Amino acid sequence: MSDIINAAVIALNEKLADAAFDGSAKFEIEGEGAVRIDETGASASDAEADVTLTADADTFQAILEGEQNATAAFMSGKLSVDGDMGMAMKLGAVLS
């Protein structure tokens, strides 16, 4: 597992600690791997999810650090979304 995936799992678990997320989402980080989020938290996993978000490592890191709005990244083509768009919106609210 890459350092980027490990760091993403830690950062996402910190963000999710005080939030309720009642679905599943997967972040595919191009060239690195995948992180799956569900009601139990974040883990390195490529398992199926309600929604899959795909971005490069720089975009993903900027979203996690609050430097990039996920909606703006999607609108500009830096982030692609496949699956339940409502779940993606819920996740965006949790991460902001």
PDB file of N, CA and C in Angstrom:
ATOM      1  N   MET A   1       0.840  -1.176   0.000  1.00  0.00           N
ATOM      2  CA  MET A   1       0.000   0.000   0.000  1.00  0.00           C
ATOM      3  C   MET A   1       0.890   1.246   0.000  1.00  0.00           C
ATOM      4  N   SER A   2       0.481   2.255  -0.749  1.00  0.00           N
ATOM      5  CA  SER A   2       1.315   3.438  -0.888  1.00  0.00           C
ATOM      6  C   SER A   2       1.183   4.372   0.316  1.00  0.00           C
ATOM      7  N   ASP A   3       2.166   5.238   0.458  1.00  0.00           N
ATOM      8  CA  ASP A   3       2.125   6.235   1.529  1.00  0.00           C
ATOM      9  C   ASP A   3       0.933   7.167   1.348  1.00  0.00           C
ATOM     10  N   ILE A   4       0.581   7.464   0.111  1.00  0.00           N
ATOM     11  CA  ILE A   4      -0.555   8.346  -0.160  1.00  0.00           C
ATOM     12  C   ILE A   4      -1.850   7.701   0.338  1.00  0.00           C
ATOM     13  N   ILE A   5      -2.032   6.420   0.086  1.00  0.00           N
ATOM     14  CA  ILE A   5      -3.230   5.720   0.554  1.00  0.00           C
ATOM     15  C   ILE A   5      -3.248   5.684   2.081  1.00  0.00           C
ATOM     16  N   ASN A   6      -2.124   5.367   2.695  1.00  0.00           N
ATOM     17  CA  ASN A   6      -2.054   5.347   4.167  1.00  0.00           C
ATOM     18  C   ASN A   6      -2.419   6.703   4.751  1.00  0.00           C
ATOM     19  N   ALA A   7      -1.864   7.781   4.189  1.00  0.00           N
ATOM     20  CA  ALA A   7      -2.148   9.133   4.677  1.00  0.00           C
ATOM     21  C   ALA A   7      -3.614   9.491   4.458  1.00  0.00           C
ATOM     22  N   ALA A   8      -4.183   9.054   3.345  1.00  0.00           N
ATOM     23  CA  ALA A   8      -5.594   9.336   3.057  1.00  0.00           C
ATOM     24  C   ALA A   8      -6.501   8.649   4.067  1.00  0.00           C
ATOM     25  N   VAL A   9      -6.200   7.410   4.407  1.00  0.00           N
ATOM     26  CA  VAL A   9      -7.008   6.676   5.387  1.00  0.00           C
ATOM     27  C   VAL A   9      -6.992   7.411   6.728  1.00  0.00           C
ATOM     28  N   ILE A  10      -5.830   7.835   7.159  1.00  0.00           N
ATOM     29  CA  ILE A  10      -5.711   8.552   8.438  1.00  0.00           C
ATOM     30  C   ILE A  10      -6.490   9.860   8.393  1.00  0.00           C
ATOM     31  N   ALA A  11      -6.300  10.642   7.337  1.00  0.00           N
ATOM     32  CA  ALA A  11      -6.975  11.940   7.215  1.00  0.00           C
ATOM     33  C   ALA A  11      -8.492  11.777   7.146  1.00  0.00           C
ATOM     34  N   LEU A  12      -8.955  10.805   6.381  1.00  0.00           N
ATOM     35  CA  LEU A  12     -10.398  10.595   6.259  1.00  0.00           C
ATOM     36  C   LEU A  12     -11.006  10.125   7.575  1.00  0.00           C
ATOM     37  N   ASN A  13     -10.325   9.263   8.291  1.00  0.00           N
ATOM     38  CA  ASN A  13     -10.847   8.809   9.585  1.00  0.00           C
ATOM     39  C   ASN A  13     -10.938   9.971  10.578  1.00  0.00           C
ATOM     40  N   GLU A  14      -9.998  10.917  10.513  1.00  0.00           N
ATOM     41  CA  GLU A  14     -10.065  12.094  11.379  1.00  0.00           C
ATOM     42  C   GLU A  14     -11.282  12.941  11.021  1.00  0.00           C
ATOM     43  N   LYS A  15     -11.528  13.132   9.715  1.00  0.00           N
ATOM     44  CA  LYS A  15     -12.672  13.928   9.262  1.00  0.00           C
ATOM     45  C   LYS A  15     -13.995  13.252   9.587  1.00  0.00           C
ATOM     46  N   LEU A  16     -14.024  11.935   9.541  1.00  0.00           N
ATOM     47  CA  LEU A  16     -15.253  11.185   9.774  1.00  0.00           C
ATOM     48  C   LEU A  16     -15.541  10.945  11.250  1.00  0.00           C
ATOM     49  N   ALA A  17     -14.591  11.241  12.134  1.00  0.00           N
ATOM     50  CA  ALA A  17     -14.728  10.924  13.559  1.00  0.00           C
ATOM     51  C   ALA A  17     -15.986  11.539  14.172  1.00  0.00           C
ATOM     52  N   ASP A  18     -16.329  12.758  13.793  1.00  0.00           N
ATOM     53  CA  ASP A  18     -17.478  13.439  14.386  1.00  0.00           C
ATOM     54  C   ASP A  18     -18.661  13.521  13.427  1.00  0.00           C
ATOM     55  N   ALA A  19     -18.626  12.765  12.350  1.00  0.00           N
ATOM     56  CA  ALA A  19     -19.684  12.840  11.332  1.00  0.00           C
ATOM     57  C   ALA A  19     -20.377  11.494  11.190  1.00  0.00           C
ATOM     58  N   ALA A  20     -21.607  11.559  10.757  1.00  0.00           N
ATOM     59  CA  ALA A  20     -22.363  10.333  10.480  1.00  0.00           C
ATOM     60  C   ALA A  20     -22.463  10.182   8.962  1.00  0.00           C
ATOM     61  N   PHE A  21     -21.934   9.105   8.444  1.00  0.00           N
ATOM     62  CA  PHE A  21     -22.010   8.837   7.007  1.00  0.00           C
ATOM     63  C   PHE A  21     -22.627   7.463   6.850  1.00  0.00           C
ATOM     64  N   ASP A  22     -23.837   7.407   6.313  1.00  0.00           N
ATOM     65  CA  ASP A  22     -24.600   6.163   6.293  1.00  0.00           C
ATOM     66  C   ASP A  22     -24.680   5.532   4.909  1.00  0.00           C
ATOM     67  N   GLY A  23     -23.569   5.475   4.243  1.00  0.00           N
ATOM     68  CA  GLY A  23     -23.511   4.834   2.930  1.00  0.00           C
ATOM     69  C   GLY A  23     -22.100   4.344   2.704  1.00  0.00           C
ATOM     70  N   SER A  24     -21.732   4.218   1.446  1.00  0.00           N
ATOM     71  CA  SER A  24     -20.361   3.835   1.149  1.00  0.00           C
ATOM     72  C   SER A  24     -19.875   4.630  -0.054  1.00  0.00           C
ATOM     73  N   ALA A  25     -18.608   4.962  -0.018  1.00  0.00           N
ATOM     74  CA  ALA A  25     -17.983   5.706  -1.108  1.00  0.00           C
ATOM     75  C   ALA A  25     -16.558   5.205  -1.270  1.00  0.00           C
ATOM     76  N   LYS A  26     -16.091   5.255  -2.490  1.00  0.00           N
ATOM     77  CA  LYS A  26     -14.716   4.821  -2.755  1.00  0.00           C
ATOM     78  C   LYS A  26     -13.999   5.929  -3.496  1.00  0.00           C
ATOM     79  N   PHE A  27     -12.807   6.272  -3.033  1.00  0.00           N
ATOM     80  CA  PHE A  27     -11.934   7.194  -3.727  1.00  0.00           C
ATOM     81  C   PHE A  27     -10.894   6.377  -4.470  1.00  0.00           C
ATOM     82  N   GLU A  28     -10.871   6.481  -5.773  1.00  0.00           N
ATOM     83  CA  GLU A  28      -9.812   5.865  -6.568  1.00  0.00           C
ATOM     84  C   GLU A  28      -8.793   6.954  -6.859  1.00  0.00           C
ATOM     85  N   ILE A  29      -7.594   6.761  -6.331  1.00  0.00           N
ATOM     86  CA  ILE A  29      -6.522   7.732  -6.521  1.00  0.00           C
ATOM     87  C   ILE A  29      -5.625   7.181  -7.609  1.00  0.00           C
ATOM     88  N   GLU A  30      -5.636   7.861  -8.743  1.00  0.00           N
ATOM     89  CA  GLU A  30      -4.947   7.372  -9.940  1.00  0.00           C
ATOM     90  C   GLU A  30      -3.484   7.038  -9.658  1.00  0.00           C
ATOM     91  N   GLY A  31      -3.102   5.820  -9.984  1.00  0.00           N
ATOM     92  CA  GLY A  31      -1.728   5.370  -9.822  1.00  0.00           C
ATOM     93  C   GLY A  31      -1.352   4.966  -8.409  1.00  0.00           C
ATOM     94  N   GLU A  32      -2.303   5.053  -7.462  1.00  0.00           N
ATOM     95  CA  GLU A  32      -1.988   4.771  -6.064  1.00  0.00           C
ATOM     96  C   GLU A  32      -2.813   3.638  -5.476  1.00  0.00           C
ATOM     97  N   GLY A  33      -4.115   3.631  -5.744  1.00  0.00           N
ATOM     98  CA  GLY A  33      -4.995   2.628  -5.166  1.00  0.00           C
ATOM     99  C   GLY A  33      -6.320   3.240  -4.797  1.00  0.00           C
ATOM    100  N   ALA A  34      -7.018   2.626  -3.847  1.00  0.00           N
ATOM    101  CA  ALA A  34      -8.355   3.085  -3.481  1.00  0.00           C
ATOM    102  C   ALA A  34      -8.543   3.095  -1.968  1.00  0.00           C
ATOM    103  N   VAL A  35      -9.415   4.017  -1.534  1.00  0.00           N
ATOM    104  CA  VAL A  35      -9.818   4.128  -0.138  1.00  0.00           C
ATOM    105  C   VAL A  35     -11.331   4.063  -0.121  1.00  0.00           C
ATOM    106  N   ARG A  36     -11.885   3.206   0.732  1.00  0.00           N
ATOM    107  CA  ARG A  36     -13.338   3.049   0.835  1.00  0.00           C
ATOM    108  C   ARG A  36     -13.797   3.596   2.174  1.00  0.00           C
ATOM    109  N   ILE A  37     -14.905   4.322   2.131  1.00  0.00           N
ATOM    110  CA  ILE A  37     -15.489   4.922   3.326  1.00  0.00           C
ATOM    111  C   ILE A  37     -16.880   4.324   3.514  1.00  0.00           C
ATOM    112  N   ASP A  38     -17.196   3.971   4.759  1.00  0.00           N
ATOM    113  CA  ASP A  38     -18.555   3.543   5.094  1.00  0.00           C
ATOM    114  C   ASP A  38     -18.834   3.962   6.538  1.00  0.00           C
ATOM    115  N   GLU A  39     -19.909   3.443   7.114  1.00  0.00           N
ATOM    116  CA  GLU A  39     -20.290   3.863   8.463  1.00  0.00           C
ATOM    117  C   GLU A  39     -19.253   3.504   9.523  1.00  0.00           C
ATOM    118  N   THR A  40     -18.329   2.611   9.212  1.00  0.00           N
ATOM    119  CA  THR A  40     -17.291   2.241  10.181  1.00  0.00           C
ATOM    120  C   THR A  40     -16.023   3.060  10.043  1.00  0.00           C
ATOM    121  N   GLY A  41     -15.917   3.880   8.985  1.00  0.00           N
ATOM    122  CA  GLY A  41     -14.745   4.710   8.783  1.00  0.00           C
ATOM    123  C   GLY A  41     -14.100   4.452   7.435  1.00  0.00           C
ATOM    124  N   ALA A  42     -12.852   4.853   7.311  1.00  0.00           N
ATOM    125  CA  ALA A  42     -12.109   4.717   6.063  1.00  0.00           C
ATOM    126  C   ALA A  42     -11.087   3.592   6.177  1.00  0.00           C
ATOM    127  N   SER A  43     -10.892   2.888   5.048  1.00  0.00           N
ATOM    128  CA  SER A  43      -9.881   1.827   4.998  1.00  0.00           C
ATOM    129  C   SER A  43      -9.381   1.698   3.570  1.00  0.00           C
ATOM    130  N   ALA A  44      -8.197   1.152   3.432  1.00  0.00           N
ATOM    131  CA  ALA A  44      -7.649   0.890   2.101  1.00  0.00           C
ATOM    132  C   ALA A  44      -8.391  -0.309   1.538  1.00  0.00           C
ATOM    133  N   SER A  45      -9.194  -0.065   0.510  1.00  0.00           N
ATOM    134  CA  SER A  45     -10.005  -1.139  -0.057  1.00  0.00           C
ATOM    135  C   SER A  45     -10.503  -0.746  -1.431  1.00  0.00           C
ATOM    136  N   ASP A  46     -10.597  -1.740  -2.305  1.00  0.00           N
ATOM    137  CA  ASP A  46     -11.138  -1.519  -3.646  1.00  0.00           C
ATOM    138  C   ASP A  46     -12.517  -2.183  -3.780  1.00  0.00           C
ATOM    139  N   ALA A  47     -13.175  -2.433  -2.641  1.00  0.00           N
ATOM    140  CA  ALA A  47     -14.492  -3.078  -2.648  1.00  0.00           C
ATOM    141  C   ALA A  47     -15.536  -2.157  -3.265  1.00  0.00           C
ATOM    142  N   GLU A  48     -16.637  -2.761  -3.712  1.00  0.00           N
ATOM    143  CA  GLU A  48     -17.740  -1.995  -4.299  1.00  0.00           C
ATOM    144  C   GLU A  48     -18.255  -0.953  -3.302  1.00  0.00           C
ATOM    145  N   ALA A  49     -18.799   0.156  -3.853  1.00  0.00           N
ATOM    146  CA  ALA A  49     -19.359   1.223  -3.027  1.00  0.00           C
ATOM    147  C   ALA A  49     -20.533   1.859  -3.763  1.00  0.00           C
ATOM    148  N   ASP A  50     -21.334   2.619  -3.026  1.00  0.00           N
ATOM    149  CA  ASP A  50     -22.477   3.305  -3.621  1.00  0.00           C
ATOM    150  C   ASP A  50     -22.037   4.313  -4.682  1.00  0.00           C
ATOM    151  N   VAL A  51     -20.902   4.952  -4.443  1.00  0.00           N
ATOM    152  CA  VAL A  51     -20.376   5.947  -5.378  1.00  0.00           C
ATOM    153  C   VAL A  51     -18.855   5.833  -5.408  1.00  0.00           C
ATOM    154  N   THR A  52     -18.290   6.025  -6.589  1.00  0.00           N
ATOM    155  CA  THR A  52     -16.835   6.004  -6.749  1.00  0.00           C
ATOM    156  C   THR A  52     -16.390   7.352  -7.282  1.00  0.00           C
ATOM    157  N   LEU A  53     -15.432   7.948  -6.603  1.00  0.00           N
ATOM    158  CA  LEU A  53     -14.867   9.227  -7.013  1.00  0.00           C
ATOM    159  C   LEU A  53     -13.431   8.984  -7.443  1.00  0.00           C
ATOM    160  N   THR A  54     -13.071   9.473  -8.598  1.00  0.00           N
ATOM    161  CA  THR A  54     -11.734   9.241  -9.137  1.00  0.00           C
ATOM    162  C   THR A  54     -11.038  10.567  -9.385  1.00  0.00           C
ATOM    163  N   ALA A  55      -9.797  10.666  -8.916  1.00  0.00           N
ATOM    164  CA  ALA A  55      -9.004  11.879  -9.104  1.00  0.00           C
ATOM    165  C   ALA A  55      -7.533  11.511  -8.990  1.00  0.00           C
ATOM    166  N   ASP A  56      -6.673  12.443  -9.413  1.00  0.00           N
ATOM    167  CA  ASP A  56      -5.244  12.210  -9.213  1.00  0.00           C
ATOM    168  C   ASP A  56      -4.888  12.533  -7.758  1.00  0.00           C
ATOM    169  N   ALA A  57      -3.700  12.168  -7.355  1.00  0.00           N
ATOM    170  CA  ALA A  57      -3.291  12.317  -5.953  1.00  0.00           C
ATOM    171  C   ALA A  57      -3.291  13.787  -5.522  1.00  0.00           C
ATOM    172  N   ASP A  58      -2.852  14.696  -6.393  1.00  0.00           N
ATOM    173  CA  ASP A  58      -2.804  16.113  -6.026  1.00  0.00           C
ATOM    174  C   ASP A  58      -4.201  16.674  -5.775  1.00  0.00           C
ATOM    175  N   THR A  59      -5.153  16.326  -6.639  1.00  0.00           N
ATOM    176  CA  THR A  59      -6.528  16.804  -6.464  1.00  0.00           C
ATOM    177  C   THR A  59      -7.125  16.244  -5.190  1.00  0.00           C
ATOM    178  N   PHE A  60      -6.936  14.958  -4.954  1.00  0.00           N
ATOM    179  CA  PHE A  60      -7.465  14.319  -3.758  1.00  0.00           C
ATOM    180  C   PHE A  60      -6.899  14.964  -2.499  1.00  0.00           C
ATOM    181  N   GLN A  61      -5.604  15.203  -2.494  1.00  0.00           N
ATOM    182  CA  GLN A  61      -4.968  15.819  -1.333  1.00  0.00           C
ATOM    183  C   GLN A  61      -5.502  17.233  -1.114  1.00  0.00           C
ATOM    184  N   ALA A  62      -5.679  17.991  -2.187  1.00  0.00           N
ATOM    185  CA  ALA A  62      -6.209  19.350  -2.068  1.00  0.00           C
ATOM    186  C   ALA A  62      -7.628  19.350  -1.511  1.00  0.00           C
ATOM    187  N   ILE A  63      -8.441  18.376  -1.900  1.00  0.00           N
ATOM    188  CA  ILE A  63      -9.799  18.260  -1.362  1.00  0.00           C
ATOM    189  C   ILE A  63      -9.740  17.957   0.135  1.00  0.00           C
ATOM    190  N   LEU A  64      -8.903  17.016   0.529  1.00  0.00           N
ATOM    191  CA  LEU A  64      -8.787  16.651   1.945  1.00  0.00           C
ATOM    192  C   LEU A  64      -8.297  17.812   2.799  1.00  0.00           C
ATOM    193  N   GLU A  65      -7.400  18.621   2.252  1.00  0.00           N
ATOM    194  CA  GLU A  65      -6.828  19.735   3.013  1.00  0.00           C
ATOM    195  C   GLU A  65      -7.697  20.981   2.962  1.00  0.00           C
ATOM    196  N   GLY A  66      -8.810  20.921   2.238  1.00  0.00           N
ATOM    197  CA  GLY A  66      -9.700  22.066   2.154  1.00  0.00           C
ATOM    198  C   GLY A  66      -9.265  23.132   1.167  1.00  0.00           C
ATOM    199  N   GLU A  67      -8.239  22.841   0.365  1.00  0.00           N
ATOM    200  CA  GLU A  67      -7.750  23.799  -0.623  1.00  0.00           C
ATOM    201  C   GLU A  67      -8.525  23.711  -1.935  1.00  0.00           C
ATOM    202  N   GLN A  68      -9.250  22.607  -2.145  1.00  0.00           N
ATOM    203  CA  GLN A  68     -10.026  22.393  -3.368  1.00  0.00           C
ATOM    204  C   GLN A  68     -11.429  21.960  -2.982  1.00  0.00           C
ATOM    205  N   ASN A  69     -12.416  22.659  -3.475  1.00  0.00           N
ATOM    206  CA  ASN A  69     -13.800  22.278  -3.263  1.00  0.00           C
ATOM    207  C   ASN A  69     -14.105  21.088  -4.155  1.00  0.00           C
ATOM    208  N   ALA A  70     -14.710  20.041  -3.601  1.00  0.00           N
ATOM    209  CA  ALA A  70     -14.992  18.829  -4.373  1.00  0.00           C
ATOM    210  C   ALA A  70     -15.940  19.102  -5.531  1.00  0.00           C
ATOM    211  N   THR A  71     -16.943  19.949  -5.320  1.00  0.00           N
ATOM    212  CA  THR A  71     -17.878  20.280  -6.398  1.00  0.00           C
ATOM    213  C   THR A  71     -17.163  21.007  -7.521  1.00  0.00           C
ATOM    214  N   ALA A  72     -16.296  21.949  -7.171  1.00  0.00           N
ATOM    215  CA  ALA A  72     -15.531  22.679  -8.187  1.00  0.00           C
ATOM    216  C   ALA A  72     -14.594  21.738  -8.940  1.00  0.00           C
ATOM    217  N   ALA A  73     -14.009  20.781  -8.230  1.00  0.00           N
ATOM    218  CA  ALA A  73     -13.127  19.805  -8.882  1.00  0.00           C
ATOM    219  C   ALA A  73     -13.919  18.964  -9.876  1.00  0.00           C
ATOM    220  N   PHE A  74     -15.142  18.586  -9.496  1.00  0.00           N
ATOM    221  CA  PHE A  74     -16.004  17.817 -10.389  1.00  0.00           C
ATOM    222  C   PHE A  74     -16.374  18.643 -11.616  1.00  0.00           C
ATOM    223  N   MET A  75     -16.783  19.873 -11.397  1.00  0.00           N
ATOM    224  CA  MET A  75     -17.214  20.741 -12.498  1.00  0.00           C
ATOM    225  C   MET A  75     -16.076  21.049 -13.471  1.00  0.00           C
ATOM    226  N   SER A  76     -14.847  21.071 -12.971  1.00  0.00           N
ATOM    227  CA  SER A  76     -13.700  21.378 -13.832  1.00  0.00           C
ATOM    228  C   SER A  76     -13.084  20.132 -14.462  1.00  0.00           C
ATOM    229  N   GLY A  77     -13.639  18.945 -14.140  1.00  0.00           N
ATOM    230  CA  GLY A  77     -13.143  17.708 -14.725  1.00  0.00           C
ATOM    231  C   GLY A  77     -11.985  17.074 -13.981  1.00  0.00           C
ATOM    232  N   LYS A  78     -11.593  17.620 -12.848  1.00  0.00           N
ATOM    233  CA  LYS A  78     -10.495  17.052 -12.066  1.00  0.00           C
ATOM    234  C   LYS A  78     -10.936  15.848 -11.242  1.00  0.00           C
ATOM    235  N   LEU A  79     -12.249  15.745 -11.003  1.00  0.00           N
ATOM    236  CA  LEU A  79     -12.820  14.675 -10.191  1.00  0.00           C
ATOM    237  C   LEU A  79     -13.981  14.075 -10.974  1.00  0.00           C
ATOM    238  N   SER A  80     -13.965  12.758 -11.137  1.00  0.00           N
ATOM    239  CA  SER A  80     -15.102  12.109 -11.802  1.00  0.00           C
ATOM    240  C   SER A  80     -15.887  11.314 -10.763  1.00  0.00           C
ATOM    241  N   VAL A  81     -17.199  11.237 -10.997  1.00  0.00           N
ATOM    242  CA  VAL A  81     -18.100  10.568 -10.072  1.00  0.00           C
ATOM    243  C   VAL A  81     -18.885   9.517 -10.836  1.00  0.00           C
ATOM    244  N   ASP A  82     -18.896   8.293 -10.294  1.00  0.00           N
ATOM    245  CA  ASP A  82     -19.640   7.201 -10.905  1.00  0.00           C
ATOM    246  C   ASP A  82     -20.513   6.562  -9.836  1.00  0.00           C
ATOM    247  N   GLY A  83     -21.815   6.565 -10.047  1.00  0.00           N
ATOM    248  CA  GLY A  83     -22.719   5.954  -9.074  1.00  0.00           C
ATOM    249  C   GLY A  83     -23.685   6.965  -8.515  1.00  0.00           C
ATOM    250  N   ASP A  84     -24.024   6.799  -7.250  1.00  0.00           N
ATOM    251  CA  ASP A  84     -25.052   7.572  -6.564  1.00  0.00           C
ATOM    252  C   ASP A  84     -24.587   9.007  -6.294  1.00  0.00           C
ATOM    253  N   MET A  85     -25.092   9.957  -7.099  1.00  0.00           N
ATOM    254  CA  MET A  85     -24.685  11.354  -6.953  1.00  0.00           C
ATOM    255  C   MET A  85     -25.143  11.926  -5.603  1.00  0.00           C
ATOM    256  N   GLY A  86     -26.282  11.466  -5.094  1.00  0.00           N
ATOM    257  CA  GLY A  86     -26.739  11.910  -3.782  1.00  0.00           C
ATOM    258  C   GLY A  86     -25.756  11.524  -2.687  1.00  0.00           C
ATOM    259  N   MET A  87     -25.185  10.330  -2.793  1.00  0.00           N
ATOM    260  CA  MET A  87     -24.197   9.884  -1.816  1.00  0.00           C
ATOM    261  C   MET A  87     -22.932  10.722  -1.933  1.00  0.00           C
ATOM    262  N   ALA A  88     -22.571  11.098  -3.150  1.00  0.00           N
ATOM    263  CA  ALA A  88     -21.410  11.961  -3.352  1.00  0.00           C
ATOM    264  C   ALA A  88     -21.619  13.316  -2.678  1.00  0.00           C
ATOM    265  N   MET A  89     -22.844  13.838  -2.765  1.00  0.00           N
ATOM    266  CA  MET A  89     -23.155  15.119  -2.130  1.00  0.00           C
ATOM    267  C   MET A  89     -23.092  14.998  -0.604  1.00  0.00           C
ATOM    268  N   LYS A  90     -23.585  13.890  -0.056  1.00  0.00           N
ATOM    269  CA  LYS A  90     -23.492  13.658   1.390  1.00  0.00           C
ATOM    270  C   LYS A  90     -22.032  13.621   1.819  1.00  0.00           C
ATOM    271  N   LEU A  91     -21.216  12.934   1.044  1.00  0.00           N
ATOM    272  CA  LEU A  91     -19.797  12.837   1.374  1.00  0.00           C
ATOM    273  C   LEU A  91     -19.140  14.210   1.317  1.00  0.00           C
ATOM    274  N   GLY A  92     -19.496  14.993   0.301  1.00  0.00           N
ATOM    275  CA  GLY A  92     -18.948  16.350   0.185  1.00  0.00           C
ATOM    276  C   GLY A  92     -19.250  17.182   1.421  1.00  0.00           C
ATOM    277  N   ALA A  93     -20.459  17.047   1.948  1.00  0.00           N
ATOM    278  CA  ALA A  93     -20.834  17.794   3.156  1.00  0.00           C
ATOM    279  C   ALA A  93     -20.026  17.336   4.366  1.00  0.00           C
ATOM    280  N   VAL A  94     -19.758  16.034   4.446  1.00  0.00           N
ATOM    281  CA  VAL A  94     -18.969  15.504   5.564  1.00  0.00           C
ATOM    282  C   VAL A  94     -17.519  15.978   5.485  1.00  0.00           C
ATOM    283  N   LEU A  95     -16.972  16.056   4.293  1.00  0.00           N
ATOM    284  CA  LEU A  95     -15.554  16.404   4.125  1.00  0.00           C
ATOM    285  C   LEU A  95     -15.283  17.896   4.207  1.00  0.00           C
ATOM    286  N   SER A  96     -16.307  18.712   4.070  1.00  0.00           N
ATOM    287  CA  SER A  96     -16.069  20.161   4.072  1.00  0.00           C
ATOM    288  C   SER A  96     -15.928  20.719   5.467  1.00  0.00           C
TER     289      SER A  96
END
